[in-house]
Amino acid sequence: MPVLSPVRTCRSAGAVRTNSFEQMVPAIRHYIRLAINETTVPRLRNKTVARVTANAPNIFNSLADHGLRDLAHPRPLAMAALVMARQTSL
């Protein structure tokens, strides 16, 4: 009886990066919300979360480009994105 090999799909590295990052976005947003909950006016909170979340893909791609993809986790990405947003708003 022949042995069947698992089916493998061919995906580009960019597609793999995007899918894994997109899966982390809800957790990244959660950690950003926790970090800014006390410091942001409630009516500005969603706008701030969106602005900070926009920094996360750049950090994720930078890690992936340097071969450090395994270090990209939601909480560190969220905190780095928050620091980046604070530095650019000064």
Protein backbone atom coordinates (compact mmCIF):
# COMPACT_ATOMS: atom_id res chain seq x y z
CA MET A 1 0.00 0.00 0.00
CA PRO A 2 1.49 3.38 -1.00
CA VAL A 3 2.29 5.95 1.67
CA LEU A 4 0.73 9.34 1.07
CA SER A 5 2.84 12.36 1.77
CA PRO A 6 1.25 15.41 3.36
CA VAL A 7 0.04 18.07 0.98
CA ARG A 8 2.19 21.15 1.09
CA THR A 9 1.12 24.46 -0.25
CA CYS A 10 3.59 26.92 -1.66
CA ARG A 11 3.32 30.34 -0.05
CA SER A 12 5.66 33.24 -0.31
CA ALA A 13 7.51 34.49 2.75
CA GLY A 14 5.48 37.71 2.62
CA ALA A 15 2.22 35.78 2.79
CA VAL A 16 3.44 33.82 5.80
CA ARG A 17 4.51 37.03 7.52
CA THR A 18 1.18 38.72 6.86
CA ASN A 19 -0.90 35.79 8.08
CA SER A 20 1.02 35.37 11.31
CA PHE A 21 0.95 39.11 12.00
CA GLU A 22 -2.76 39.38 11.24
CA GLN A 23 -3.44 36.63 13.77
CA MET A 24 -1.65 38.68 16.43
CA VAL A 25 -3.46 41.97 15.82
CA PRO A 26 -6.35 41.40 18.28
CA ALA A 27 -3.88 40.53 21.06
CA ILE A 28 -1.68 43.51 20.16
CA ARG A 29 -4.69 45.81 20.36
CA HIS A 30 -5.63 44.28 23.73
CA TYR A 31 -2.18 44.97 25.22
CA ILE A 32 -2.16 48.51 23.85
CA ARG A 33 -5.58 49.12 25.41
CA LEU A 34 -4.32 47.86 28.77
CA ALA A 35 -1.28 50.12 28.58
CA ILE A 36 -3.19 53.30 27.72
CA ASN A 37 -6.37 52.65 29.69
CA GLU A 38 -5.54 55.01 32.55
CA THR A 39 -3.64 57.63 30.57
CA THR A 40 -5.95 58.33 27.65
CA VAL A 41 -9.23 60.21 27.58
CA PRO A 42 -11.97 57.62 26.91
CA ARG A 43 -13.24 59.30 23.75
CA LEU A 44 -9.72 59.31 22.26
CA ARG A 45 -8.88 55.74 23.23
CA ASN A 46 -9.94 54.03 19.98
CA LYS A 47 -8.07 56.58 17.89
CA THR A 48 -4.94 56.13 20.01
CA VAL A 49 -5.15 52.33 19.80
CA ALA A 50 -5.45 52.54 16.00
CA ARG A 51 -2.52 54.96 15.73
CA VAL A 52 -0.28 52.82 17.94
CA THR A 53 -1.33 49.57 16.22
CA ALA A 54 -0.25 51.09 12.90
CA ASN A 55 3.37 51.00 14.15
CA ALA A 56 3.33 47.27 14.93
CA PRO A 57 3.71 45.95 11.33
CA ASN A 58 6.92 47.94 10.88
CA ILE A 59 8.41 46.42 14.02
CA PHE A 60 7.24 42.93 13.04
CA ASN A 61 8.73 43.26 9.54
CA SER A 62 12.00 44.56 10.94
CA LEU A 63 12.30 41.53 13.22
CA ALA A 64 11.43 39.17 10.37
CA ASP A 65 13.97 40.82 8.05
CA HIS A 66 16.71 40.25 10.63
CA GLY A 67 15.77 36.60 11.13
CA LEU A 68 14.24 37.24 14.55
CA ARG A 69 10.67 36.28 13.66
CA ASP A 70 10.48 33.95 16.66
CA LEU A 71 10.81 37.00 18.95
CA ALA A 72 7.68 38.63 17.55
CA HIS A 73 4.96 38.14 20.16
CA PRO A 74 1.88 40.32 20.73
CA ARG A 75 2.86 41.95 24.04
CA PRO A 76 6.41 43.00 23.07
CA LEU A 77 5.15 44.23 19.70
CA ALA A 78 2.45 46.26 21.44
CA MET A 79 4.88 47.81 23.90
CA ALA A 80 7.43 48.61 21.18
CA ALA A 81 4.68 50.16 19.03
CA LEU A 82 3.56 52.25 22.01
CA VAL A 83 7.12 53.50 22.61
CA MET A 84 7.50 54.29 18.91
CA ALA A 85 4.22 56.23 18.89
CA ARG A 86 5.25 58.23 21.95
CA GLN A 87 8.61 59.11 20.40
CA THR A 88 7.06 60.30 17.14
CA SER A 89 4.44 62.42 18.92
CA LEU A 90 7.07 64.46 20.80
